[in-house]
Protein backbone atom coordinates (compact mmCIF):
# COMPACT_ATOMS: atom_id res chain seq x y z
CA MET A 1 -100.34 -95.35 -53.46
CA PRO A 2 -100.37 -98.88 -54.97
CA ARG A 3 -103.36 -99.76 -57.13
CA PHE A 4 -104.51 -102.67 -54.97
CA TYR A 5 -104.12 -100.95 -51.60
CA GLU A 6 -107.66 -101.60 -50.32
CA GLU A 7 -107.62 -105.20 -51.58
CA ALA A 8 -104.23 -105.75 -49.94
CA ALA A 9 -105.58 -104.43 -46.65
CA HIS A 10 -108.46 -106.87 -46.79
CA LEU A 11 -106.20 -109.78 -47.76
CA LEU A 12 -103.68 -108.89 -45.04
CA LEU A 13 -106.44 -108.99 -42.47
CA ILE A 14 -107.54 -112.40 -43.73
CA VAL A 15 -104.05 -113.94 -43.68
CA LEU A 16 -103.34 -112.52 -40.23
CA THR A 17 -106.40 -114.30 -38.87
CA HIS A 18 -105.24 -117.55 -40.49
CA GLY A 19 -101.78 -117.89 -38.99
CA VAL A 20 -99.47 -115.33 -40.58
CA VAL A 21 -97.38 -113.42 -38.09
CA LEU A 22 -95.83 -110.08 -38.98
CA GLY A 23 -92.05 -110.12 -38.92
CA VAL A 24 -90.28 -108.81 -35.87
CA GLU A 25 -90.10 -105.01 -35.57
CA ARG A 26 -92.26 -104.36 -38.62
CA ASN A 27 -94.52 -101.39 -38.76
CA HIS A 28 -97.95 -102.65 -39.83
CA LEU A 29 -98.52 -99.67 -42.15
CA ALA A 30 -95.20 -100.27 -43.88
CA VAL A 31 -96.08 -103.95 -44.28
CA LEU A 32 -99.45 -103.03 -45.77
CA TYR A 33 -97.91 -100.58 -48.22
CA ASP A 34 -95.26 -103.10 -49.33
CA PHE A 35 -97.82 -105.90 -49.47
CA ALA A 36 -100.06 -103.74 -51.71
CA GLY A 37 -97.12 -102.92 -53.98
CA GLU A 38 -96.17 -106.58 -54.24
CA LEU A 39 -99.78 -107.53 -54.96
CA ASP A 40 -99.85 -104.96 -57.76
CA ARG A 41 -96.56 -106.32 -59.14
CA VAL A 42 -97.62 -109.97 -59.15
CA MET A 43 -101.07 -109.18 -60.58
CA ALA A 44 -99.31 -107.54 -63.56
CA MET A 45 -97.48 -110.81 -64.26
CA ARG A 46 -100.75 -112.30 -65.56
CA ARG A 47 -100.10 -115.75 -64.14
CA SER A 48 -102.60 -118.17 -62.66
CA HIS A 49 -104.10 -117.33 -59.31
CA ALA A 50 -102.26 -120.28 -57.74
CA ASP A 51 -98.88 -119.12 -59.09
CA THR A 52 -99.60 -115.54 -58.11
CA ALA A 53 -100.49 -116.61 -54.56
CA GLU A 54 -97.25 -118.56 -54.20
CA ILE A 55 -95.11 -115.73 -55.58
CA LEU A 56 -96.81 -113.21 -53.29
CA LEU A 57 -96.49 -115.33 -50.15
CA ASP A 58 -92.88 -116.36 -50.86
CA SER A 59 -91.76 -112.80 -51.54
CA MET A 60 -93.30 -111.54 -48.30
CA ILE A 61 -91.58 -114.35 -46.38
CA LEU A 62 -88.26 -113.70 -48.16
CA TRP A 63 -88.32 -110.02 -47.26
CA GLY A 64 -89.04 -110.89 -43.63
CA PHE A 65 -92.48 -109.28 -43.52
CA PHE A 66 -94.32 -112.55 -42.84
CA ASP A 67 -93.58 -115.55 -40.70
CA VAL A 68 -95.69 -118.52 -41.77
CA PRO A 69 -95.90 -121.71 -39.73
CA PRO A 70 -95.12 -124.61 -42.10
CA ASP A 71 -98.35 -126.41 -41.20
CA ARG A 72 -100.39 -123.37 -42.35
CA ARG A 73 -98.71 -122.82 -45.73
CA LYS A 74 -101.08 -124.91 -47.89
CA ARG A 75 -104.16 -123.36 -46.34
CA LEU A 76 -102.76 -119.84 -46.74
CA LEU A 77 -101.94 -120.48 -50.39
CA ALA A 78 -105.51 -121.67 -50.94
CA ILE A 79 -106.92 -118.57 -49.22
CA ILE A 80 -104.63 -116.15 -51.07
CA GLY A 81 -105.15 -117.94 -54.38
CA THR A 82 -108.95 -117.80 -54.03
CA PHE A 83 -108.81 -114.13 -53.11
CA ILE A 84 -106.59 -113.38 -56.11
CA GLY A 85 -108.78 -115.46 -58.42
CA ASN A 86 -111.80 -113.44 -57.34
CA LEU A 87 -109.84 -110.22 -57.73
CA MET A 88 -108.84 -111.24 -61.26
CA THR A 89 -112.47 -111.66 -62.26
CA ILE A 90 -113.53 -108.20 -61.07
CA ARG A 91 -110.42 -106.09 -61.69
CA ARG A 92 -108.20 -106.68 -64.64
CA PRO A 93 -104.55 -105.64 -64.21
CA ALA A 94 -103.30 -102.80 -66.37
CA ALA A 95 -101.59 -103.80 -69.64
């Protein structure tokens, strides 16, 4: 189980309520598991919360897990970046 599984579940719920649509024919549990794994991976990069948010969102779009309306992208990046910034202050990634 990925380290940030519970956090990813919370973040996934937030982004789904703000315009993200799951890709066609995607099992929501598989999306959650992959989203948690990707969150763990990008948190380990030790980049800024803004960069981490962009990498996370872009990778989920690239893999076809998320469809993001272009007019919602900036807002989603702000939401994800804020969530990650808060996560960085309470849980430090492993070295």
